[in-house]
PDB file of N, CA and C in Angstrom:
ATOM      1  N   UNK A   1     -52.712  -8.741 -10.355  1.00  0.00           N
ATOM      2  CA  UNK A   1     -51.972  -8.044  -9.443  1.00  0.00           C
ATOM      3  C   UNK A   1     -52.647  -7.853  -8.140  1.00  0.00           C
ATOM      4  N   UNK A   2     -52.347  -8.501  -7.020  1.00  0.00           N
ATOM      5  CA  UNK A   2     -52.977  -7.918  -5.773  1.00  0.00           C
ATOM      6  C   UNK A   2     -52.644  -6.397  -5.160  1.00  0.00           C
ATOM      7  N   UNK A   3     -53.161  -6.212  -4.108  1.00  0.00           N
ATOM      8  CA  UNK A   3     -53.008  -4.823  -3.470  1.00  0.00           C
ATOM      9  C   UNK A   3     -51.540  -4.717  -3.139  1.00  0.00           C
ATOM     10  N   UNK A   4     -50.964  -5.758  -2.369  1.00  0.00           N
ATOM     11  CA  UNK A   4     -49.500  -5.490  -1.878  1.00  0.00           C
ATOM     12  C   UNK A   4     -48.570  -5.543  -3.118  1.00  0.00           C
ATOM     13  N   UNK A   5     -48.920  -6.213  -4.025  1.00  0.00           N
ATOM     14  CA  UNK A   5     -47.978  -6.269  -5.324  1.00  0.00           C
ATOM     15  C   UNK A   5     -47.941  -4.785  -5.959  1.00  0.00           C
ATOM     16  N   UNK A   6     -49.101  -4.179  -5.966  1.00  0.00           N
ATOM     17  CA  UNK A   6     -49.448  -2.825  -6.573  1.00  0.00           C
ATOM     18  C   UNK A   6     -48.673  -1.877  -5.718  1.00  0.00           C
ATOM     19  N   UNK A   7     -48.793  -1.995  -4.464  1.00  0.00           N
ATOM     20  CA  UNK A   7     -48.002  -0.954  -3.619  1.00  0.00           C
ATOM     21  C   UNK A   7     -46.595  -1.199  -3.794  1.00  0.00           C
ATOM     22  N   UNK A   8     -46.038  -2.359  -3.838  1.00  0.00           N
ATOM     23  CA  UNK A   8     -44.606  -2.543  -4.006  1.00  0.00           C
ATOM     24  C   UNK A   8     -44.058  -2.054  -5.164  1.00  0.00           C
ATOM     25  N   UNK A   9     -44.897  -2.129  -6.438  1.00  0.00           N
ATOM     26  CA  UNK A   9     -44.297  -1.784  -7.730  1.00  0.00           C
ATOM     27  C   UNK A   9     -44.511   0.040  -7.610  1.00  0.00           C
ATOM     28  N   UNK A  10     -45.705   0.379  -7.232  1.00  0.00           N
ATOM     29  CA  UNK A  10     -45.948   2.005  -7.182  1.00  0.00           C
ATOM     30  C   UNK A  10     -45.021   2.429  -6.378  1.00  0.00           C
ATOM     31  N   UNK A  11     -44.339   2.043  -5.377  1.00  0.00           N
ATOM     32  CA  UNK A  11     -43.745   2.860  -4.135  1.00  0.00           C
ATOM     33  C   UNK A  11     -42.320   2.513  -4.348  1.00  0.00           C
ATOM     34  N   UNK A  12     -41.871   1.729  -5.281  1.00  0.00           N
ATOM     35  CA  UNK A  12     -40.308   1.504  -5.314  1.00  0.00           C
ATOM     36  C   UNK A  12     -39.766   2.070  -6.566  1.00  0.00           C
ATOM     37  N   UNK A  13     -38.555   2.514  -6.261  1.00  0.00           N
ATOM     38  CA  UNK A  13     -37.919   3.243  -7.230  1.00  0.00           C
ATOM     39  C   UNK A  13     -36.494   2.529  -7.412  1.00  0.00           C
ATOM     40  N   UNK A  14     -35.604   2.520  -8.533  1.00  0.00           N
ATOM     41  CA  UNK A  14     -34.493   1.962  -8.536  1.00  0.00           C
ATOM     42  C   UNK A  14     -33.527   2.762  -7.752  1.00  0.00           C
ATOM     43  N   UNK A  15     -32.599   2.234  -7.047  1.00  0.00           N
ATOM     44  CA  UNK A  15     -31.654   2.704  -6.155  1.00  0.00           C
ATOM     45  C   UNK A  15     -30.851   3.876  -7.020  1.00  0.00           C
ATOM     46  N   UNK A  16     -30.760   3.776  -7.991  1.00  0.00           N
ATOM     47  CA  UNK A  16     -29.982   4.906  -9.087  1.00  0.00           C
ATOM     48  C   UNK A  16     -30.817   6.105  -8.917  1.00  0.00           C
ATOM     49  N   UNK A  17     -32.023   6.259  -8.794  1.00  0.00           N
ATOM     50  CA  UNK A  17     -32.889   7.283  -8.560  1.00  0.00           C
ATOM     51  C   UNK A  17     -33.041   7.958  -7.037  1.00  0.00           C
ATOM     52  N   UNK A  18     -32.497   7.530  -6.257  1.00  0.00           N
ATOM     53  CA  UNK A  18     -32.807   7.633  -4.676  1.00  0.00           C
ATOM     54  C   UNK A  18     -32.312   9.079  -4.489  1.00  0.00           C
ATOM     55  N   UNK A  19     -31.433   9.718  -5.209  1.00  0.00           N
ATOM     56  CA  UNK A  19     -31.029  11.226  -4.937  1.00  0.00           C
ATOM     57  C   UNK A  19     -32.211  12.087  -5.319  1.00  0.00           C
ATOM     58  N   UNK A  20     -33.224  11.782  -6.037  1.00  0.00           N
ATOM     59  CA  UNK A  20     -34.327  12.478  -6.096  1.00  0.00           C
ATOM     60  C   UNK A  20     -35.214  12.634  -4.946  1.00  0.00           C
ATOM     61  N   UNK A  21     -35.214  11.827  -3.872  1.00  0.00           N
ATOM     62  CA  UNK A  21     -35.856  11.949  -2.744  1.00  0.00           C
ATOM     63  C   UNK A  21     -37.429  12.248  -3.027  1.00  0.00           C
ATOM     64  N   UNK A  22     -37.882  11.408  -4.039  1.00  0.00           N
ATOM     65  CA  UNK A  22     -39.231  11.766  -4.289  1.00  0.00           C
ATOM     66  C   UNK A  22     -40.210  11.021  -3.237  1.00  0.00           C
ATOM     67  N   UNK A  23     -41.337  11.790  -3.166  1.00  0.00           N
ATOM     68  CA  UNK A  23     -42.346  11.150  -2.242  1.00  0.00           C
ATOM     69  C   UNK A  23     -43.616  10.943  -3.230  1.00  0.00           C
ATOM     70  N   UNK A  24     -44.221   9.859  -3.048  1.00  0.00           N
ATOM     71  CA  UNK A  24     -45.330   9.393  -3.782  1.00  0.00           C
ATOM     72  C   UNK A  24     -46.698   9.318  -2.925  1.00  0.00           C
ATOM     73  N   UNK A  25     -47.721   9.780  -3.359  1.00  0.00           N
ATOM     74  CA  UNK A  25     -48.891   9.761  -2.558  1.00  0.00           C
ATOM     75  C   UNK A  25     -49.879   9.000  -3.402  1.00  0.00           C
ATOM     76  N   UNK A  26     -50.402   7.881  -2.476  1.00  0.00           N
ATOM     77  CA  UNK A  26     -51.364   6.964  -3.071  1.00  0.00           C
ATOM     78  C   UNK A  26     -52.588   6.825  -2.192  1.00  0.00           C
ATOM     79  N   UNK A  27     -53.736   6.914  -2.667  1.00  0.00           N
ATOM     80  CA  UNK A  27     -54.983   6.810  -1.738  1.00  0.00           C
ATOM     81  C   UNK A  27     -56.015   6.045  -2.530  1.00  0.00           C
ATOM     82  N   UNK A  28     -56.775   5.217  -1.685  1.00  0.00           N
ATOM     83  CA  UNK A  28     -57.824   4.549  -2.402  1.00  0.00           C
ATOM     84  C   UNK A  28     -58.968   5.420  -2.855  1.00  0.00           C
ATOM     85  N   UNK A  29     -59.660   4.809  -3.769  1.00  0.00           N
ATOM     86  CA  UNK A  29     -60.930   5.608  -4.358  1.00  0.00           C
ATOM     87  C   UNK A  29     -61.972   5.643  -3.128  1.00  0.00           C
ATOM     88  N   UNK A  30     -62.551   6.767  -2.928  1.00  0.00           N
ATOM     89  CA  UNK A  30     -63.672   6.619  -1.836  1.00  0.00           C
ATOM     90  C   UNK A  30     -64.925   6.322  -2.609  1.00  0.00           C
ATOM     91  N   UNK A  31     -65.809   5.837  -1.814  1.00  0.00           N
ATOM     92  CA  UNK A  31     -67.231   5.428  -2.344  1.00  0.00           C
ATOM     93  C   UNK A  31     -67.813   6.515  -2.933  1.00  0.00           C
ATOM     94  N   UNK A  32     -68.189   6.249  -4.434  1.00  0.00           N
ATOM     95  CA  UNK A  32     -68.948   7.298  -5.255  1.00  0.00           C
ATOM     96  C   UNK A  32     -67.852   8.095  -5.864  1.00  0.00           C
ATOM     97  N   UNK A  33     -66.703   8.039  -5.884  1.00  0.00           N
ATOM     98  CA  UNK A  33     -65.582   8.724  -6.522  1.00  0.00           C
ATOM     99  C   UNK A  33     -65.450   7.998  -8.057  1.00  0.00           C
ATOM    100  N   UNK A  34     -65.143   8.846  -8.895  1.00  0.00           N
ATOM    101  CA  UNK A  34     -65.037   8.435 -10.386  1.00  0.00           C
ATOM    102  C   UNK A  34     -63.635   7.754 -10.645  1.00  0.00           C
ATOM    103  N   UNK A  35     -63.391   6.957 -11.457  1.00  0.00           N
ATOM    104  CA  UNK A  35     -61.906   6.520 -11.690  1.00  0.00           C
ATOM    105  C   UNK A  35     -61.019   7.649 -12.380  1.00  0.00           C
ATOM    106  N   UNK A  36     -59.892   7.472 -11.869  1.00  0.00           N
ATOM    107  CA  UNK A  36     -59.136   8.612 -12.437  1.00  0.00           C
ATOM    108  C   UNK A  36     -58.239   9.160 -11.281  1.00  0.00           C
ATOM    109  N   UNK A  37     -58.088  10.600 -11.432  1.00  0.00           N
ATOM    110  CA  UNK A  37     -57.205  11.190 -10.534  1.00  0.00           C
ATOM    111  C   UNK A  37     -58.225  12.087  -9.537  1.00  0.00           C
ATOM    112  N   UNK A  38     -57.736  12.476  -8.302  1.00  0.00           N
ATOM    113  CA  UNK A  38     -58.546  13.148  -7.324  1.00  0.00           C
ATOM    114  C   UNK A  38     -57.608  14.204  -6.864  1.00  0.00           C
ATOM    115  N   UNK A  39     -58.077  15.211  -6.273  1.00  0.00           N
ATOM    116  CA  UNK A  39     -57.260  16.192  -5.580  1.00  0.00           C
ATOM    117  C   UNK A  39     -57.039  15.826  -4.161  1.00  0.00           C
ATOM    118  N   UNK A  40     -55.817  16.160  -3.613  1.00  0.00           N
ATOM    119  CA  UNK A  40     -55.486  15.862  -2.220  1.00  0.00           C
ATOM    120  C   UNK A  40     -55.213  17.207  -1.662  1.00  0.00           C
ATOM    121  N   UNK A  41     -55.510  17.421  -0.640  1.00  0.00           N
ATOM    122  CA  UNK A  41     -55.176  18.563   0.143  1.00  0.00           C
ATOM    123  C   UNK A  41     -53.917  18.720   0.920  1.00  0.00           C
ATOM    124  N   UNK A  42     -53.201  19.568   0.840  1.00  0.00           N
ATOM    125  CA  UNK A  42     -51.940  19.685   1.545  1.00  0.00           C
ATOM    126  C   UNK A  42     -51.589  21.207   1.879  1.00  0.00           C
ATOM    127  N   UNK A  43     -50.806  21.337   2.573  1.00  0.00           N
ATOM    128  CA  UNK A  43     -50.228  22.684   2.908  1.00  0.00           C
ATOM    129  C   UNK A  43     -49.233  23.348   2.077  1.00  0.00           C
ATOM    130  N   UNK A  44     -49.097  24.454   1.745  1.00  0.00           N
ATOM    131  CA  UNK A  44     -48.270  25.113   0.684  1.00  0.00           C
ATOM    132  C   UNK A  44     -46.731  24.821   1.288  1.00  0.00           C
ATOM    133  N   UNK A  45     -46.568  24.894   2.470  1.00  0.00           N
ATOM    134  CA  UNK A  45     -45.104  24.565   2.963  1.00  0.00           C
ATOM    135  C   UNK A  45     -44.538  23.243   2.796  1.00  0.00           C
ATOM    136  N   UNK A  46     -45.550  22.238   2.350  1.00  0.00           N
ATOM    137  CA  UNK A  46     -45.145  20.936   2.044  1.00  0.00           C
ATOM    138  C   UNK A  46     -44.534  20.635   0.664  1.00  0.00           C
ATOM    139  N   UNK A  47     -44.757  21.725  -0.029  1.00  0.00           N
ATOM    140  CA  UNK A  47     -44.173  21.621  -1.337  1.00  0.00           C
ATOM    141  C   UNK A  47     -42.892  22.551  -1.664  1.00  0.00           C
ATOM    142  N   UNK A  48     -41.775  22.120  -1.892  1.00  0.00           N
ATOM    143  CA  UNK A  48     -40.720  22.966  -2.184  1.00  0.00           C
ATOM    144  C   UNK A  48     -40.356  23.202  -3.746  1.00  0.00           C
ATOM    145  N   UNK A  49     -40.760  22.176  -4.609  1.00  0.00           N
ATOM    146  CA  UNK A  49     -40.444  22.419  -5.951  1.00  0.00           C
ATOM    147  C   UNK A  49     -41.584  21.384  -6.683  1.00  0.00           C
ATOM    148  N   UNK A  50     -41.521  21.844  -8.021  1.00  0.00           N
ATOM    149  CA  UNK A  50     -42.351  21.120  -9.159  1.00  0.00           C
ATOM    150  C   UNK A  50     -41.245  20.621 -10.280  1.00  0.00           C
ATOM    151  N   UNK A  51     -41.150  19.452 -10.644  1.00  0.00           N
ATOM    152  CA  UNK A  51     -40.327  18.939 -11.821  1.00  0.00           C
ATOM    153  C   UNK A  51     -41.294  18.612 -12.887  1.00  0.00           C
ATOM    154  N   UNK A  52     -41.160  19.302 -13.945  1.00  0.00           N
ATOM    155  CA  UNK A  52     -41.948  19.113 -15.058  1.00  0.00           C
ATOM    156  C   UNK A  52     -41.080  17.859 -16.091  1.00  0.00           C
ATOM    157  N   UNK A  53     -41.635  16.842 -16.458  1.00  0.00           N
ATOM    158  CA  UNK A  53     -41.335  15.884 -17.215  1.00  0.00           C
ATOM    159  C   UNK A  53     -40.976  16.336 -18.680  1.00  0.00           C
ATOM    160  N   UNK A  54     -40.133  15.431 -19.361  1.00  0.00           N
ATOM    161  CA  UNK A  54     -39.816  15.875 -20.775  1.00  0.00           C
ATOM    162  C   UNK A  54     -41.077  15.963 -21.646  1.00  0.00           C
ATOM    163  N   UNK A  55     -42.001  15.287 -21.345  1.00  0.00           N
ATOM    164  CA  UNK A  55     -43.074  15.164 -22.352  1.00  0.00           C
ATOM    165  C   UNK A  55     -44.210  15.870 -21.783  1.00  0.00           C
ATOM    166  N   UNK A  56     -44.097  16.794 -20.748  1.00  0.00           N
ATOM    167  CA  UNK A  56     -45.234  17.450 -20.138  1.00  0.00           C
ATOM    168  C   UNK A  56     -45.913  18.283 -21.324  1.00  0.00           C
ATOM    169  N   UNK A  57     -47.209  18.243 -21.337  1.00  0.00           N
ATOM    170  CA  UNK A  57     -48.029  19.107 -22.276  1.00  0.00           C
ATOM    171  C   UNK A  57     -47.702  20.578 -21.956  1.00  0.00           C
ATOM    172  N   UNK A  58     -47.292  21.207 -22.957  1.00  0.00           N
ATOM    173  CA  UNK A  58     -46.950  22.846 -22.668  1.00  0.00           C
ATOM    174  C   UNK A  58     -48.241  23.554 -22.076  1.00  0.00           C
ATOM    175  N   UNK A  59     -49.422  23.254 -22.540  1.00  0.00           N
ATOM    176  CA  UNK A  59     -50.532  23.923 -21.899  1.00  0.00           C
ATOM    177  C   UNK A  59     -50.611  23.473 -20.412  1.00  0.00           C
ATOM    178  N   UNK A  60     -50.379  22.319 -19.944  1.00  0.00           N
ATOM    179  CA  UNK A  60     -50.406  22.109 -18.573  1.00  0.00           C
ATOM    180  C   UNK A  60     -49.246  22.835 -17.707  1.00  0.00           C
ATOM    181  N   UNK A  61     -48.107  22.656 -18.351  1.00  0.00           N
ATOM    182  CA  UNK A  61     -46.982  23.437 -17.952  1.00  0.00           C
ATOM    183  C   UNK A  61     -47.152  24.668 -17.350  1.00  0.00           C
ATOM    184  N   UNK A  62     -47.733  25.465 -18.530  1.00  0.00           N
ATOM    185  CA  UNK A  62     -48.099  26.822 -18.526  1.00  0.00           C
ATOM    186  C   UNK A  62     -49.034  26.927 -17.321  1.00  0.00           C
ATOM    187  N   UNK A  63     -50.173  26.227 -17.023  1.00  0.00           N
ATOM    188  CA  UNK A  63     -51.092  26.530 -16.220  1.00  0.00           C
ATOM    189  C   UNK A  63     -50.496  26.397 -14.912  1.00  0.00           C
ATOM    190  N   UNK A  64     -49.668  25.309 -14.536  1.00  0.00           N
ATOM    191  CA  UNK A  64     -48.981  25.062 -13.495  1.00  0.00           C
ATOM    192  C   UNK A  64     -48.197  26.338 -13.036  1.00  0.00           C
ATOM    193  N   UNK A  65     -47.255  26.813 -13.749  1.00  0.00           N
ATOM    194  CA  UNK A  65     -46.202  27.709 -13.631  1.00  0.00           C
ATOM    195  C   UNK A  65     -47.107  29.056 -13.142  1.00  0.00           C
ATOM    196  N   UNK A  66     -48.146  29.201 -13.874  1.00  0.00           N
ATOM    197  CA  UNK A  66     -49.029  30.444 -13.610  1.00  0.00           C
ATOM    198  C   UNK A  66     -49.631  30.398 -12.070  1.00  0.00           C
ATOM    199  N   UNK A  67     -49.858  29.199 -11.603  1.00  0.00           N
ATOM    200  CA  UNK A  67     -50.255  28.979 -10.293  1.00  0.00           C
ATOM    201  C   UNK A  67     -49.089  29.056  -9.298  1.00  0.00           C
ATOM    202  N   UNK A  68     -47.993  29.410  -9.581  1.00  0.00           N
ATOM    203  CA  UNK A  68     -46.694  29.339  -8.448  1.00  0.00           C
ATOM    204  C   UNK A  68     -46.719  30.886  -8.132  1.00  0.00           C
ATOM    205  N   UNK A  69     -47.720  31.246  -7.584  1.00  0.00           N
ATOM    206  CA  UNK A  69     -47.526  32.804  -6.932  1.00  0.00           C
ATOM    207  C   UNK A  69     -48.391  32.883  -5.619  1.00  0.00           C
ATOM    208  N   UNK A  70     -48.338  34.060  -5.123  1.00  0.00           N
ATOM    209  CA  UNK A  70     -48.971  34.180  -3.629  1.00  0.00           C
ATOM    210  C   UNK A  70     -48.471  33.134  -2.638  1.00  0.00           C
ATOM    211  N   UNK A  71     -49.246  32.266  -2.125  1.00  0.00           N
ATOM    212  CA  UNK A  71     -48.964  31.308  -1.154  1.00  0.00           C
ATOM    213  C   UNK A  71     -47.974  30.244  -1.677  1.00  0.00           C
ATOM    214  N   UNK A  72     -47.869  30.161  -3.044  1.00  0.00           N
ATOM    215  CA  UNK A  72     -47.167  29.067  -3.763  1.00  0.00           C
ATOM    216  C   UNK A  72     -45.852  29.779  -4.287  1.00  0.00           C
ATOM    217  N   UNK A  73     -45.603  31.053  -4.142  1.00  0.00           N
ATOM    218  CA  UNK A  73     -44.494  31.801  -4.616  1.00  0.00           C
ATOM    219  C   UNK A  73     -42.997  31.241  -4.235  1.00  0.00           C
ATOM    220  N   UNK A  74     -43.042  30.414  -3.254  1.00  0.00           N
ATOM    221  CA  UNK A  74     -41.761  29.957  -2.676  1.00  0.00           C
ATOM    222  C   UNK A  74     -41.406  28.500  -3.403  1.00  0.00           C
ATOM    223  N   UNK A  75     -42.228  28.143  -4.049  1.00  0.00           N
ATOM    224  CA  UNK A  75     -42.170  26.808  -4.869  1.00  0.00           C
ATOM    225  C   UNK A  75     -41.179  27.305  -6.334  1.00  0.00           C
ATOM    226  N   UNK A  76     -40.312  26.329  -6.268  1.00  0.00           N
ATOM    227  CA  UNK A  76     -39.263  26.441  -7.535  1.00  0.00           C
ATOM    228  C   UNK A  76     -39.826  25.549  -8.545  1.00  0.00           C
ATOM    229  N   UNK A  77     -39.462  25.602  -9.715  1.00  0.00           N
ATOM    230  CA  UNK A  77     -39.926  24.853 -10.926  1.00  0.00           C
ATOM    231  C   UNK A  77     -38.768  24.507 -11.676  1.00  0.00           C
ATOM    232  N   UNK A  78     -38.657  22.989 -12.210  1.00  0.00           N
ATOM    233  CA  UNK A  78     -37.592  22.605 -13.005  1.00  0.00           C
ATOM    234  C   UNK A  78     -38.246  21.974 -14.277  1.00  0.00           C
ATOM    235  N   UNK A  79     -37.427  21.923 -15.251  1.00  0.00           N
ATOM    236  CA  UNK A  79     -37.706  21.048 -16.515  1.00  0.00           C
ATOM    237  C   UNK A  79     -36.748  20.166 -16.583  1.00  0.00           C
ATOM    238  N   UNK A  80     -37.129  19.077 -16.844  1.00  0.00           N
ATOM    239  CA  UNK A  80     -36.342  17.648 -17.249  1.00  0.00           C
ATOM    240  C   UNK A  80     -35.732  18.024 -18.710  1.00  0.00           C
ATOM    241  N   UNK A  81     -34.733  17.726 -18.829  1.00  0.00           N
ATOM    242  CA  UNK A  81     -34.013  17.762 -20.192  1.00  0.00           C
ATOM    243  C   UNK A  81     -32.966  16.572 -20.312  1.00  0.00           C
ATOM    244  N   UNK A  82     -33.454  15.738 -21.333  1.00  0.00           N
ATOM    245  CA  UNK A  82     -32.638  14.491 -21.638  1.00  0.00           C
ATOM    246  C   UNK A  82     -31.098  14.996 -22.000  1.00  0.00           C
ATOM    247  N   UNK A  83     -30.201  14.157 -21.431  1.00  0.00           N
ATOM    248  CA  UNK A  83     -29.057  14.168 -21.800  1.00  0.00           C
ATOM    249  C   UNK A  83     -28.520  13.414 -22.925  1.00  0.00           C
ATOM    250  N   UNK A  84     -28.079  14.041 -23.901  1.00  0.00           N
ATOM    251  CA  UNK A  84     -27.921  13.124 -25.155  1.00  0.00           C
ATOM    252  C   UNK A  84     -26.860  12.012 -24.773  1.00  0.00           C
ATOM    253  N   UNK A  85     -26.948  10.771 -25.359  1.00  0.00           N
ATOM    254  CA  UNK A  85     -25.980   9.694 -25.192  1.00  0.00           C
ATOM    255  C   UNK A  85     -25.912   9.126 -23.696  1.00  0.00           C
ATOM    256  N   UNK A  86     -26.871   9.573 -23.013  1.00  0.00           N
ATOM    257  CA  UNK A  86     -26.951   8.868 -21.667  1.00  0.00           C
ATOM    258  C   UNK A  86     -28.330   8.625 -21.212  1.00  0.00           C
ATOM    259  N   UNK A  87     -28.418   7.659 -20.172  1.00  0.00           N
ATOM    260  CA  UNK A  87     -29.745   7.285 -19.786  1.00  0.00           C
ATOM    261  C   UNK A  87     -30.015   8.230 -18.489  1.00  0.00           C
ATOM    262  N   UNK A  88     -30.015   9.517 -18.699  1.00  0.00           N
ATOM    263  CA  UNK A  88     -29.971  10.445 -17.518  1.00  0.00           C
ATOM    264  C   UNK A  88     -30.821  11.737 -17.890  1.00  0.00           C
ATOM    265  N   UNK A  89     -31.323  12.446 -16.961  1.00  0.00           N
ATOM    266  CA  UNK A  89     -31.836  13.697 -17.071  1.00  0.00           C
ATOM    267  C   UNK A  89     -31.229  14.972 -16.394  1.00  0.00           C
ATOM    268  N   UNK A  90     -31.245  16.228 -16.945  1.00  0.00           N
ATOM    269  CA  UNK A  90     -30.830  17.189 -16.257  1.00  0.00           C
ATOM    270  C   UNK A  90     -31.994  18.108 -15.877  1.00  0.00           C
ATOM    271  N   UNK A  91     -32.096  18.735 -14.603  1.00  0.00           N
ATOM    272  CA  UNK A  91     -33.172  19.477 -14.363  1.00  0.00           C
ATOM    273  C   UNK A  91     -32.747  20.972 -14.286  1.00  0.00           C
ATOM    274  N   UNK A  92     -33.282  21.752 -15.182  1.00  0.00           N
ATOM    275  CA  UNK A  92     -32.979  23.235 -15.341  1.00  0.00           C
ATOM    276  C   UNK A  92     -34.126  24.043 -14.564  1.00  0.00           C
ATOM    277  N   UNK A  93     -33.723  24.804 -13.680  1.00  0.00           N
ATOM    278  CA  UNK A  93     -34.579  25.791 -12.995  1.00  0.00           C
ATOM    279  C   UNK A  93     -35.345  26.790 -13.775  1.00  0.00           C
ATOM    280  N   UNK A  94     -36.700  26.985 -13.831  1.00  0.00           N
ATOM    281  CA  UNK A  94     -37.384  27.871 -14.750  1.00  0.00           C
ATOM    282  C   UNK A  94     -37.926  28.868 -13.869  1.00  0.00           C
ATOM    283  N   UNK A  95     -38.153  28.582 -12.516  1.00  0.00           N
ATOM    284  CA  UNK A  95     -38.775  29.467 -11.579  1.00  0.00           C
ATOM    285  C   UNK A  95     -38.286  29.314 -10.275  1.00  0.00           C
TER     286      UNK A  95
END
């Protein structure tokens, strides 16, 4: 897969999910960076909400929820809950 194909796949969602208005951030690895994930700096006011997927590790969820204080206290948190017999999720506010 070439770089253009990668970005086309990584940045494309099915139109049925457009209501989520999701933003995705992708950056290339810097020289000397190890493979995997890296932190990206952003301003607290750039984040409105955190959405936890159905299979989020409970420990990770707890850590992230505990961080939503102080300058992050305005951030809402939601749990994804599968809707039985439908290919859909419901998001329930937890903070």
